[in-house]
PDB file of N, CA and C in Angstrom:
ATOM      1  N   MET A   1      65.250 -30.127  21.066  1.00  0.00           N
ATOM      2  CA  MET A   1      64.907 -30.731  22.335  1.00  0.00           C
ATOM      3  C   MET A   1      63.829 -29.914  23.035  1.00  0.00           C
ATOM      4  N   GLU A   2      63.990 -28.584  23.074  1.00  0.00           N
ATOM      5  CA  GLU A   2      63.018 -27.729  23.725  1.00  0.00           C
ATOM      6  C   GLU A   2      61.657 -27.817  23.038  1.00  0.00           C
ATOM      7  N   ASN A   3      61.616 -27.853  21.714  1.00  0.00           N
ATOM      8  CA  ASN A   3      60.365 -27.970  20.985  1.00  0.00           C
ATOM      9  C   ASN A   3      59.671 -29.299  21.296  1.00  0.00           C
ATOM     10  N   GLU A   4      60.473 -30.334  21.466  1.00  0.00           N
ATOM     11  CA  GLU A   4      59.910 -31.653  21.779  1.00  0.00           C
ATOM     12  C   GLU A   4      59.197 -31.624  23.133  1.00  0.00           C
ATOM     13  N   LEU A   5      59.777 -30.946  24.125  1.00  0.00           N
ATOM     14  CA  LEU A   5      59.150 -30.829  25.439  1.00  0.00           C
ATOM     15  C   LEU A   5      57.871 -30.013  25.369  1.00  0.00           C
ATOM     16  N   GLU A   6      57.881 -28.969  24.582  1.00  0.00           N
ATOM     17  CA  GLU A   6      56.707 -28.113  24.453  1.00  0.00           C
ATOM     18  C   GLU A   6      55.563 -28.848  23.778  1.00  0.00           C
ATOM     19  N   THR A   7      55.840 -29.674  22.819  1.00  0.00           N
ATOM     20  CA  THR A   7      54.769 -30.379  22.117  1.00  0.00           C
ATOM     21  C   THR A   7      54.191 -31.501  22.957  1.00  0.00           C
ATOM     22  N   ASN A   8      54.953 -32.068  23.897  1.00  0.00           N
ATOM     23  CA  ASN A   8      54.456 -33.146  24.742  1.00  0.00           C
ATOM     24  C   ASN A   8      53.752 -32.628  25.998  1.00  0.00           C
ATOM     25  N   TYR A   9      53.872 -31.366  26.274  1.00  0.00           N
ATOM     26  CA  TYR A   9      53.290 -30.792  27.483  1.00  0.00           C
ATOM     27  C   TYR A   9      51.796 -30.563  27.277  1.00  0.00           C
ATOM     28  N   ASN A  10      50.986 -31.162  28.154  1.00  0.00           N
ATOM     29  CA  ASN A  10      49.541 -30.996  28.103  1.00  0.00           C
ATOM     30  C   ASN A  10      49.079 -30.493  29.468  1.00  0.00           C
ATOM     31  N   PRO A  11      48.730 -29.217  29.566  1.00  0.00           N
ATOM     32  CA  PRO A  11      48.357 -28.648  30.872  1.00  0.00           C
ATOM     33  C   PRO A  11      47.160 -29.369  31.505  1.00  0.00           C
ATOM     34  N   GLN A  12      46.191 -29.758  30.704  1.00  0.00           N
ATOM     35  CA  GLN A  12      45.002 -30.455  31.225  1.00  0.00           C
ATOM     36  C   GLN A  12      45.397 -31.780  31.876  1.00  0.00           C
ATOM     37  N   GLU A  13      46.240 -32.524  31.184  1.00  0.00           N
ATOM     38  CA  GLU A  13      46.679 -33.826  31.692  1.00  0.00           C
ATOM     39  C   GLU A  13      47.523 -33.656  32.954  1.00  0.00           C
ATOM     40  N   THR A  14      48.378 -32.673  32.949  1.00  0.00           N
ATOM     41  CA  THR A  14      49.223 -32.412  34.115  1.00  0.00           C
ATOM     42  C   THR A  14      48.374 -32.033  35.323  1.00  0.00           C
ATOM     43  N   THR A  15      47.385 -31.212  35.095  1.00  0.00           N
ATOM     44  CA  THR A  15      46.483 -30.807  36.179  1.00  0.00           C
ATOM     45  C   THR A  15      45.735 -32.006  36.733  1.00  0.00           C
ATOM     46  N   GLU A  16      45.246 -32.867  35.868  1.00  0.00           N
ATOM     47  CA  GLU A  16      44.517 -34.059  36.306  1.00  0.00           C
ATOM     48  C   GLU A  16      45.421 -35.006  37.100  1.00  0.00           C
ATOM     49  N   ILE A  17      46.641 -35.195  36.634  1.00  0.00           N
ATOM     50  CA  ILE A  17      47.593 -36.065  37.335  1.00  0.00           C
ATOM     51  C   ILE A  17      47.886 -35.507  38.720  1.00  0.00           C
ATOM     52  N   PHE A  18      48.118 -34.197  38.785  1.00  0.00           N
ATOM     53  CA  PHE A  18      48.386 -33.561  40.073  1.00  0.00           C
ATOM     54  C   PHE A  18      47.186 -33.681  41.010  1.00  0.00           C
ATOM     55  N   ALA A  19      45.980 -33.407  40.486  1.00  0.00           N
ATOM     56  CA  ALA A  19      44.765 -33.475  41.308  1.00  0.00           C
ATOM     57  C   ALA A  19      44.538 -34.886  41.817  1.00  0.00           C
ATOM     58  N   ASN A  20      44.712 -35.872  40.955  1.00  0.00           N
ATOM     59  CA  ASN A  20      44.520 -37.262  41.378  1.00  0.00           C
ATOM     60  C   ASN A  20      45.547 -37.665  42.428  1.00  0.00           C
ATOM     61  N   GLY A  21      46.783 -37.267  42.242  1.00  0.00           N
ATOM     62  CA  GLY A  21      47.822 -37.564  43.236  1.00  0.00           C
ATOM     63  C   GLY A  21      47.528 -36.910  44.569  1.00  0.00           C
ATOM     64  N   LEU A  22      47.098 -35.676  44.520  1.00  0.00           N
ATOM     65  CA  LEU A  22      46.763 -34.950  45.747  1.00  0.00           C
ATOM     66  C   LEU A  22      45.581 -35.602  46.459  1.00  0.00           C
ATOM     67  N   LEU A  23      44.555 -35.986  45.706  1.00  0.00           N
ATOM     68  CA  LEU A  23      43.393 -36.638  46.298  1.00  0.00           C
ATOM     69  C   LEU A  23      43.765 -37.987  46.909  1.00  0.00           C
ATOM     70  N   GLU A  24      44.593 -38.741  46.210  1.00  0.00           N
ATOM     71  CA  GLU A  24      45.018 -40.035  46.737  1.00  0.00           C
ATOM     72  C   GLU A  24      45.833 -39.873  48.019  1.00  0.00           C
ATOM     73  N   MET A  25      46.575 -38.788  48.091  1.00  0.00           N
ATOM     74  CA  MET A  25      47.380 -38.532  49.282  1.00  0.00           C
ATOM     75  C   MET A  25      46.499 -38.065  50.447  1.00  0.00           C
ATOM     76  N   LEU A  26      45.495 -37.242  50.171  1.00  0.00           N
ATOM     77  CA  LEU A  26      44.675 -36.664  51.230  1.00  0.00           C
ATOM     78  C   LEU A  26      43.543 -37.578  51.685  1.00  0.00           C
ATOM     79  N   LEU A  27      43.094 -38.473  50.847  1.00  0.00           N
ATOM     80  CA  LEU A  27      41.960 -39.321  51.194  1.00  0.00           C
ATOM     81  C   LEU A  27      42.194 -40.124  52.475  1.00  0.00           C
ATOM     82  N   PRO A  28      43.350 -40.765  52.670  1.00  0.00           N
ATOM     83  CA  PRO A  28      43.561 -41.481  53.942  1.00  0.00           C
ATOM     84  C   PRO A  28      43.514 -40.554  55.156  1.00  0.00           C
ATOM     85  N   VAL A  29      44.009 -39.342  54.997  1.00  0.00           N
ATOM     86  CA  VAL A  29      43.984 -38.382  56.109  1.00  0.00           C
ATOM     87  C   VAL A  29      42.535 -38.007  56.433  1.00  0.00           C
ATOM     88  N   VAL A  30      41.747 -37.779  55.407  1.00  0.00           N
ATOM     89  CA  VAL A  30      40.340 -37.434  55.615  1.00  0.00           C
ATOM     90  C   VAL A  30      39.609 -38.600  56.272  1.00  0.00           C
ATOM     91  N   GLN A  31      39.878 -39.815  55.821  1.00  0.00           N
ATOM     92  CA  GLN A  31      39.237 -40.987  56.407  1.00  0.00           C
ATOM     93  C   GLN A  31      39.658 -41.173  57.868  1.00  0.00           C
ATOM     94  N   GLU A  32      40.926 -40.980  58.165  1.00  0.00           N
ATOM     95  CA  GLU A  32      41.401 -41.112  59.545  1.00  0.00           C
ATOM     96  C   GLU A  32      40.763 -40.040  60.432  1.00  0.00           C
ATOM     97  N   THR A  33      40.670 -38.835  59.914  1.00  0.00           N
ATOM     98  CA  THR A  33      40.027 -37.751  60.664  1.00  0.00           C
ATOM     99  C   THR A  33      38.568 -38.083  60.929  1.00  0.00           C
ATOM    100  N   ASP A  34      37.909 -38.614  59.919  1.00  0.00           N
ATOM    101  CA  ASP A  34      36.511 -39.005  60.075  1.00  0.00           C
ATOM    102  C   ASP A  34      36.369 -40.086  61.148  1.00  0.00           C
ATOM    103  N   ASN A  35      37.250 -41.070  61.138  1.00  0.00           N
ATOM    104  CA  ASN A  35      37.213 -42.131  62.151  1.00  0.00           C
ATOM    105  C   ASN A  35      37.445 -41.557  63.551  1.00  0.00           C
ATOM    106  N   ASN A  36      38.394 -40.639  63.671  1.00  0.00           N
ATOM    107  CA  ASN A  36      38.671 -40.027  64.972  1.00  0.00           C
ATOM    108  C   ASN A  36      37.492 -39.190  65.455  1.00  0.00           C
ATOM    109  N   ILE A  37      36.855 -38.496  64.546  1.00  0.00           N
ATOM    110  CA  ILE A  37      35.674 -37.704  64.909  1.00  0.00           C
ATOM    111  C   ILE A  37      34.563 -38.631  65.376  1.00  0.00           C
ATOM    112  N   GLN A  38      34.417 -39.786  64.708  1.00  0.00           N
ATOM    113  CA  GLN A  38      33.417 -40.769  65.132  1.00  0.00           C
ATOM    114  C   GLN A  38      33.687 -41.214  66.572  1.00  0.00           C
ATOM    115  N   LYS A  39      34.957 -41.480  66.883  1.00  0.00           N
ATOM    116  CA  LYS A  39      35.318 -41.915  68.239  1.00  0.00           C
ATOM    117  C   LYS A  39      35.022 -40.821  69.256  1.00  0.00           C
ATOM    118  N   VAL A  40      35.368 -39.584  68.937  1.00  0.00           N
ATOM    119  CA  VAL A  40      35.105 -38.473  69.854  1.00  0.00           C
ATOM    120  C   VAL A  40      33.600 -38.286  70.018  1.00  0.00           C
ATOM    121  N   PHE A  41      32.869 -38.415  68.910  1.00  0.00           N
ATOM    122  CA  PHE A  41      31.421 -38.272  68.947  1.00  0.00           C
ATOM    123  C   PHE A  41      30.812 -39.335  69.868  1.00  0.00           C
ATOM    124  N   SER A  42      31.277 -40.571  69.765  1.00  0.00           N
ATOM    125  CA  SER A  42      30.787 -41.655  70.632  1.00  0.00           C
ATOM    126  C   SER A  42      31.135 -41.377  72.090  1.00  0.00           C
ATOM    127  N   SER A  43      32.350 -40.904  72.318  1.00  0.00           N
ATOM    128  CA  SER A  43      32.771 -40.573  73.674  1.00  0.00           C
ATOM    129  C   SER A  43      31.919 -39.448  74.254  1.00  0.00           C
ATOM    130  N   GLN A  44      31.639 -38.437  73.457  1.00  0.00           N
ATOM    131  CA  GLN A  44      30.805 -37.328  73.900  1.00  0.00           C
ATOM    132  C   GLN A  44      29.392 -37.809  74.222  1.00  0.00           C
ATOM    133  N   GLU A  45      28.890 -38.711  73.415  1.00  0.00           N
ATOM    134  CA  GLU A  45      27.551 -39.247  73.651  1.00  0.00           C
ATOM    135  C   GLU A  45      27.507 -40.002  74.980  1.00  0.00           C
ATOM    136  N   LEU A  46      28.538 -40.810  75.231  1.00  0.00           N
ATOM    137  CA  LEU A  46      28.628 -41.545  76.493  1.00  0.00           C
ATOM    138  C   LEU A  46      28.734 -40.576  77.673  1.00  0.00           C
ATOM    139  N   LEU A  47      29.553 -39.544  77.523  1.00  0.00           N
ATOM    140  CA  LEU A  47      29.689 -38.523  78.560  1.00  0.00           C
ATOM    141  C   LEU A  47      28.357 -37.830  78.816  1.00  0.00           C
ATOM    142  N   ASN A  48      27.656 -37.498  77.770  1.00  0.00           N
ATOM    143  CA  ASN A  48      26.361 -36.824  77.899  1.00  0.00           C
ATOM    144  C   ASN A  48      25.364 -37.706  78.651  1.00  0.00           C
ATOM    145  N   LYS A  49      25.344 -38.995  78.343  1.00  0.00           N
ATOM    146  CA  LYS A  49      24.438 -39.911  79.049  1.00  0.00           C
ATOM    147  C   LYS A  49      24.790 -39.994  80.529  1.00  0.00           C
ATOM    148  N   GLU A  50      26.078 -40.061  80.822  1.00  0.00           N
ATOM    149  CA  GLU A  50      26.522 -40.152  82.222  1.00  0.00           C
ATOM    150  C   GLU A  50      26.191 -38.862  82.974  1.00  0.00           C
ATOM    151  N   ILE A  51      26.383 -37.718  82.350  1.00  0.00           N
ATOM    152  CA  ILE A  51      26.033 -36.440  82.981  1.00  0.00           C
ATOM    153  C   ILE A  51      24.531 -36.382  83.227  1.00  0.00           C
ATOM    154  N   GLN A  52      23.763 -36.851  82.250  1.00  0.00           N
ATOM    155  CA  GLN A  52      22.303 -36.862  82.397  1.00  0.00           C
ATOM    156  C   GLN A  52      21.886 -37.753  83.570  1.00  0.00           C
ATOM    157  N   ARG A  53      22.511 -38.934  83.673  1.00  0.00           N
ATOM    158  CA  ARG A  53      22.197 -39.855  84.769  1.00  0.00           C
ATOM    159  C   ARG A  53      22.531 -39.220  86.120  1.00  0.00           C
ATOM    160  N   LEU A  54      23.721 -38.660  86.211  1.00  0.00           N
ATOM    161  CA  LEU A  54      24.153 -38.033  87.455  1.00  0.00           C
ATOM    162  C   LEU A  54      23.276 -36.832  87.800  1.00  0.00           C
ATOM    163  N   SER A  55      22.931 -36.062  86.800  1.00  0.00           N
ATOM    164  CA  SER A  55      22.078 -34.894  87.015  1.00  0.00           C
ATOM    165  C   SER A  55      20.717 -35.316  87.549  1.00  0.00           C
ATOM    166  N   SER A  56      20.162 -36.368  86.976  1.00  0.00           N
ATOM    167  CA  SER A  56      18.859 -36.866  87.449  1.00  0.00           C
ATOM    168  C   SER A  56      18.942 -37.336  88.896  1.00  0.00           C
ATOM    169  N   GLU A  57      20.007 -38.058  89.214  1.00  0.00           N
ATOM    170  CA  GLU A  57      20.178 -38.539  90.594  1.00  0.00           C
ATOM    171  C   GLU A  57      20.335 -37.375  91.565  1.00  0.00           C
ATOM    172  N   LEU A  58      21.120 -36.377  91.170  1.00  0.00           N
ATOM    173  CA  LEU A  58      21.308 -35.218  92.058  1.00  0.00           C
ATOM    174  C   LEU A  58      20.011 -34.429  92.225  1.00  0.00           C
ATOM    175  N   GLU A  59      19.279 -34.267  91.154  1.00  0.00           N
ATOM    176  CA  GLU A  59      18.008 -33.541  91.245  1.00  0.00           C
ATOM    177  C   GLU A  59      17.034 -34.280  92.158  1.00  0.00           C
ATOM    178  N   ALA A  60      17.006 -35.609  92.039  1.00  0.00           N
ATOM    179  CA  ALA A  60      16.137 -36.392  92.916  1.00  0.00           C
ATOM    180  C   ALA A  60      16.580 -36.247  94.367  1.00  0.00           C
ATOM    181  N   PHE A  61      17.874 -36.288  94.603  1.00  0.00           N
ATOM    182  CA  PHE A  61      18.404 -36.159  95.957  1.00  0.00           C
ATOM    183  C   PHE A  61      18.108 -34.777  96.528  1.00  0.00           C
ATOM    184  N   VAL A  62      18.308 -33.748  95.711  1.00  0.00           N
ATOM    185  CA  VAL A  62      18.052 -32.379  96.171  1.00  0.00           C
ATOM    186  C   VAL A  62      16.569 -32.216  96.480  1.00  0.00           C
ATOM    187  N   GLY A  63      15.721 -32.872  95.693  1.00  0.00           N
ATOM    188  CA  GLY A  63      14.277 -32.774  95.921  1.00  0.00           C
ATOM    189  C   GLY A  63      13.846 -33.362  97.257  1.00  0.00           C
ATOM    190  N   ILE A  64      14.536 -34.382  97.746  1.00  0.00           N
ATOM    191  CA  ILE A  64      14.131 -35.015  99.000  1.00  0.00           C
ATOM    192  C   ILE A  64      14.976 -34.563 100.189  1.00  0.00           C
ATOM    193  N   SER A  65      16.077 -33.872  99.924  1.00  0.00           N
ATOM    194  CA  SER A  65      16.932 -33.436 101.028  1.00  0.00           C
ATOM    195  C   SER A  65      16.773 -31.943 101.257  1.00  0.00           C
ATOM    196  N   GLN A  66      17.266 -31.506 102.369  1.00  0.00           N
ATOM    197  CA  GLN A  66      17.192 -30.095 102.721  1.00  0.00           C
ATOM    198  C   GLN A  66      18.581 -29.449 102.694  1.00  0.00           C
ATOM    199  N   THR A  67      19.468 -29.950 101.843  1.00  0.00           N
ATOM    200  CA  THR A  67      20.827 -29.412 101.791  1.00  0.00           C
ATOM    201  C   THR A  67      20.959 -28.452 100.617  1.00  0.00           C
ATOM    202  N   PRO A  68      20.893 -27.153 100.900  1.00  0.00           N
ATOM    203  CA  PRO A  68      20.983 -26.177  99.813  1.00  0.00           C
ATOM    204  C   PRO A  68      22.367 -26.132  99.165  1.00  0.00           C
ATOM    205  N   ALA A  69      23.387 -26.689  99.802  1.00  0.00           N
ATOM    206  CA  ALA A  69      24.733 -26.648  99.233  1.00  0.00           C
ATOM    207  C   ALA A  69      24.819 -27.424  97.921  1.00  0.00           C
ATOM    208  N   LEU A  70      23.969 -28.414  97.730  1.00  0.00           N
ATOM    209  CA  LEU A  70      24.007 -29.204  96.499  1.00  0.00           C
ATOM    210  C   LEU A  70      23.424 -28.467  95.300  1.00  0.00           C
ATOM    211  N   ASN A  71      22.607 -27.468  95.546  1.00  0.00           N
ATOM    212  CA  ASN A  71      22.016 -26.725  94.433  1.00  0.00           C
ATOM    213  C   ASN A  71      23.092 -26.117  93.535  1.00  0.00           C
ATOM    214  N   GLU A  72      24.151 -25.647  94.138  1.00  0.00           N
ATOM    215  CA  GLU A  72      25.257 -25.070  93.376  1.00  0.00           C
ATOM    216  C   GLU A  72      25.878 -26.127  92.452  1.00  0.00           C
ATOM    217  N   TYR A  73      26.048 -27.342  92.974  1.00  0.00           N
ATOM    218  CA  TYR A  73      26.652 -28.409  92.180  1.00  0.00           C
ATOM    219  C   TYR A  73      25.713 -28.913  91.086  1.00  0.00           C
ATOM    220  N   VAL A  74      24.435 -28.919  91.398  1.00  0.00           N
ATOM    221  CA  VAL A  74      23.453 -29.294  90.373  1.00  0.00           C
ATOM    222  C   VAL A  74      23.500 -28.274  89.238  1.00  0.00           C
ATOM    223  N   HIS A  75      23.608 -27.020  89.592  1.00  0.00           N
ATOM    224  CA  HIS A  75      23.690 -25.962  88.582  1.00  0.00           C
ATOM    225  C   HIS A  75      24.962 -26.120  87.734  1.00  0.00           C
ATOM    226  N   LYS A  76      26.086 -26.390  88.375  1.00  0.00           N
ATOM    227  CA  LYS A  76      27.341 -26.590  87.646  1.00  0.00           C
ATOM    228  C   LYS A  76      27.256 -27.796  86.735  1.00  0.00           C
ATOM    229  N   LEU A  77      26.640 -28.858  87.215  1.00  0.00           N
ATOM    230  CA  LEU A  77      26.479 -30.063  86.411  1.00  0.00           C
ATOM    231  C   LEU A  77      25.577 -29.800  85.206  1.00  0.00           C
ATOM    232  N   THR A  78      24.540 -29.025  85.419  1.00  0.00           N
ATOM    233  CA  THR A  78      23.648 -28.660  84.318  1.00  0.00           C
ATOM    234  C   THR A  78      24.402 -27.841  83.274  1.00  0.00           C
ATOM    235  N   GLN A  79      25.240 -26.945  83.721  1.00  0.00           N
ATOM    236  CA  GLN A  79      26.054 -26.157  82.787  1.00  0.00           C
ATOM    237  C   GLN A  79      27.027 -27.048  82.023  1.00  0.00           C
ATOM    238  N   ALA A  80      27.650 -28.008  82.706  1.00  0.00           N
ATOM    239  CA  ALA A  80      28.573 -28.935  82.041  1.00  0.00           C
ATOM    240  C   ALA A  80      27.831 -29.763  81.012  1.00  0.00           C
ATOM    241  N   LYS A  81      26.629 -30.166  81.352  1.00  0.00           N
ATOM    242  CA  LYS A  81      25.807 -30.927  80.407  1.00  0.00           C
ATOM    243  C   LYS A  81      25.525 -30.087  79.166  1.00  0.00           C
ATOM    244  N   GLN A  82      25.194 -28.827  79.344  1.00  0.00           N
ATOM    245  CA  GLN A  82      24.905 -27.939  78.212  1.00  0.00           C
ATOM    246  C   GLN A  82      26.153 -27.758  77.342  1.00  0.00           C
ATOM    247  N   ARG A  83      27.307 -27.606  77.969  1.00  0.00           N
ATOM    248  CA  ARG A  83      28.547 -27.477  77.196  1.00  0.00           C
ATOM    249  C   ARG A  83      28.836 -28.755  76.412  1.00  0.00           C
ATOM    250  N   ALA A  84      28.610 -29.904  77.044  1.00  0.00           N
ATOM    251  CA  ALA A  84      28.828 -31.180  76.351  1.00  0.00           C
ATOM    252  C   ALA A  84      27.880 -31.314  75.169  1.00  0.00           C
ATOM    253  N   GLU A  85      26.639 -30.895  75.341  1.00  0.00           N
ATOM    254  CA  GLU A  85      25.678 -30.944  74.234  1.00  0.00           C
ATOM    255  C   GLU A  85      26.107 -30.010  73.108  1.00  0.00           C
ATOM    256  N   ASN A  86      26.607 -28.833  73.447  1.00  0.00           N
ATOM    257  CA  ASN A  86      27.086 -27.894  72.427  1.00  0.00           C
ATOM    258  C   ASN A  86      28.274 -28.478  71.663  1.00  0.00           C
ATOM    259  N   ILE A  87      29.179 -29.119  72.388  1.00  0.00           N
ATOM    260  CA  ILE A  87      30.332 -29.755  71.743  1.00  0.00           C
ATOM    261  C   ILE A  87      29.866 -30.863  70.815  1.00  0.00           C
ATOM    262  N   GLN A  88      28.851 -31.600  71.242  1.00  0.00           N
ATOM    263  CA  GLN A  88      28.326 -32.686  70.418  1.00  0.00           C
ATOM    264  C   GLN A  88      27.749 -32.141  69.116  1.00  0.00           C
ATOM    265  N   VAL A  89      27.077 -31.017  69.177  1.00  0.00           N
ATOM    266  CA  VAL A  89      26.524 -30.397  67.967  1.00  0.00           C
ATOM    267  C   VAL A  89      27.656 -29.979  67.027  1.00  0.00           C
ATOM    268  N   VAL A  90      28.694 -29.376  67.575  1.00  0.00           N
ATOM    269  CA  VAL A  90      29.836 -28.953  66.752  1.00  0.00           C
ATOM    270  C   VAL A  90      30.527 -30.168  66.129  1.00  0.00           C
ATOM    271  N   LEU A  91      30.704 -31.215  66.904  1.00  0.00           N
ATOM    272  CA  LEU A  91      31.327 -32.434  66.371  1.00  0.00           C
ATOM    273  C   LEU A  91      30.501 -33.030  65.242  1.00  0.00           C
ATOM    274  N   LEU A  92      29.199 -33.000  65.377  1.00  0.00           N
ATOM    275  CA  LEU A  92      28.331 -33.512  64.316  1.00  0.00           C
ATOM    276  C   LEU A  92      28.496 -32.682  63.051  1.00  0.00           C
ATOM    277  N   GLN A  93      28.589 -31.372  63.195  1.00  0.00           N
ATOM    278  CA  GLN A  93      28.801 -30.502  62.036  1.00  0.00           C
ATOM    279  C   GLN A  93      30.149 -30.793  61.379  1.00  0.00           C
ATOM    280  N   ILE A  94      31.176 -30.991  62.183  1.00  0.00           N
ATOM    281  CA  ILE A  94      32.504 -31.309  61.649  1.00  0.00           C
ATOM    282  C   ILE A  94      32.468 -32.644  60.924  1.00  0.00           C
ATOM    283  N   GLN A  95      31.796 -33.614  61.520  1.00  0.00           N
ATOM    284  CA  GLN A  95      31.698 -34.933  60.900  1.00  0.00           C
ATOM    285  C   GLN A  95      30.993 -34.844  59.546  1.00  0.00           C
ATOM    286  N   GLU A  96      29.942 -34.054  59.470  1.00  0.00           N
ATOM    287  CA  GLU A  96      29.221 -33.884  58.205  1.00  0.00           C
ATOM    288  C   GLU A  96      30.133 -33.240  57.158  1.00  0.00           C
ATOM    289  N   ARG A  97      30.918 -32.254  57.555  1.00  0.00           N
ATOM    290  CA  ARG A  97      31.831 -31.591  56.617  1.00  0.00           C
ATOM    291  C   ARG A  97      32.898 -32.558  56.113  1.00  0.00           C
ATOM    292  N   VAL A  98      33.472 -33.337  57.025  1.00  0.00           N
ATOM    293  CA  VAL A  98      34.505 -34.305  56.640  1.00  0.00           C
ATOM    294  C   VAL A  98      33.907 -35.355  55.706  1.00  0.00           C
ATOM    295  N   SER A  99      32.693 -35.785  55.992  1.00  0.00           N
ATOM    296  CA  SER A  99      32.038 -36.775  55.128  1.00  0.00           C
ATOM    297  C   SER A  99      31.807 -36.203  53.731  1.00  0.00           C
ATOM    298  N   ARG A 100      31.405 -34.936  53.669  1.00  0.00           N
ATOM    299  CA  ARG A 100      31.225 -34.305  52.350  1.00  0.00           C
ATOM    300  C   ARG A 100      32.550 -34.222  51.607  1.00  0.00           C
ATOM    301  N   MET A 101      33.625 -33.867  52.325  1.00  0.00           N
ATOM    302  CA  MET A 101      34.948 -33.796  51.696  1.00  0.00           C
ATOM    303  C   MET A 101      35.362 -35.174  51.184  1.00  0.00           C
ATOM    304  N   GLU A 102      35.080 -36.200  51.965  1.00  0.00           N
ATOM    305  CA  GLU A 102      35.433 -37.557  51.578  1.00  0.00           C
ATOM    306  C   GLU A 102      34.660 -37.970  50.322  1.00  0.00           C
ATOM    307  N   ARG A 103      33.356 -37.655  50.288  1.00  0.00           N
ATOM    308  CA  ARG A 103      32.553 -37.986  49.094  1.00  0.00           C
ATOM    309  C   ARG A 103      33.075 -37.250  47.861  1.00  0.00           C
ATOM    310  N   ILE A 104      33.424 -35.985  48.022  1.00  0.00           N
ATOM    311  CA  ILE A 104      33.952 -35.210  46.901  1.00  0.00           C
ATOM    312  C   ILE A 104      35.258 -35.821  46.410  1.00  0.00           C
ATOM    313  N   ALA A 105      36.140 -36.182  47.350  1.00  0.00           N
ATOM    314  CA  ALA A 105      37.420 -36.767  46.975  1.00  0.00           C
ATOM    315  C   ALA A 105      37.222 -38.092  46.249  1.00  0.00           C
ATOM    316  N   ILE A 106      36.324 -38.926  46.729  1.00  0.00           N
ATOM    317  CA  ILE A 106      36.055 -40.209  46.072  1.00  0.00           C
ATOM    318  C   ILE A 106      35.493 -39.998  44.675  1.00  0.00           C
ATOM    319  N   ASN A 107      34.585 -39.032  44.551  1.00  0.00           N
ATOM    320  CA  ASN A 107      34.009 -38.738  43.221  1.00  0.00           C
ATOM    321  C   ASN A 107      35.069 -38.225  42.254  1.00  0.00           C
ATOM    322  N   LYS A 108      35.986 -37.412  42.765  1.00  0.00           N
ATOM    323  CA  LYS A 108      37.072 -36.891  41.912  1.00  0.00           C
ATOM    324  C   LYS A 108      37.996 -38.031  41.464  1.00  0.00           C
ATOM    325  N   LEU A 109      38.262 -38.963  42.358  1.00  0.00           N
ATOM    326  CA  LEU A 109      39.128 -40.092  41.993  1.00  0.00           C
ATOM    327  C   LEU A 109      38.468 -40.984  40.954  1.00  0.00           C
ATOM    328  N   LYS A 110      37.145 -41.090  40.992  1.00  0.00           N
ATOM    329  CA  LYS A 110      36.426 -41.934  40.027  1.00  0.00           C
ATOM    330  C   LYS A 110      36.393 -41.309  38.635  1.00  0.00           C
ATOM    331  N   GLN A 111      36.563 -39.999  38.562  1.00  0.00           N
ATOM    332  CA  GLN A 111      36.481 -39.314  37.259  1.00  0.00           C
ATOM    333  C   GLN A 111      37.684 -39.585  36.400  1.00  0.00           C
TER     334      GLN A 111
END
């Protein structure tokens, strides 16, 4: 009985079966993560546009008004805009990495 098990055992085949099972299990998670990153990326883009619009309006208002108190808020808004842009860059990098992982997983499943 033991010899029969040893002769039927193929490490290459076992590795391939395990890898394919693992890829099939992880692929939906990678796709869901990619979809969620897309949603966050879209939300960040919308936020960035709104911050840009508000910043432009405040800068125009500060330019025609004599209220120095708004300069502080314009500065804070500019900083928030910069942070949002930095987050957008990081999200884009994450999205690219997830897309590469997804392509690799799909290619492995096709093999």
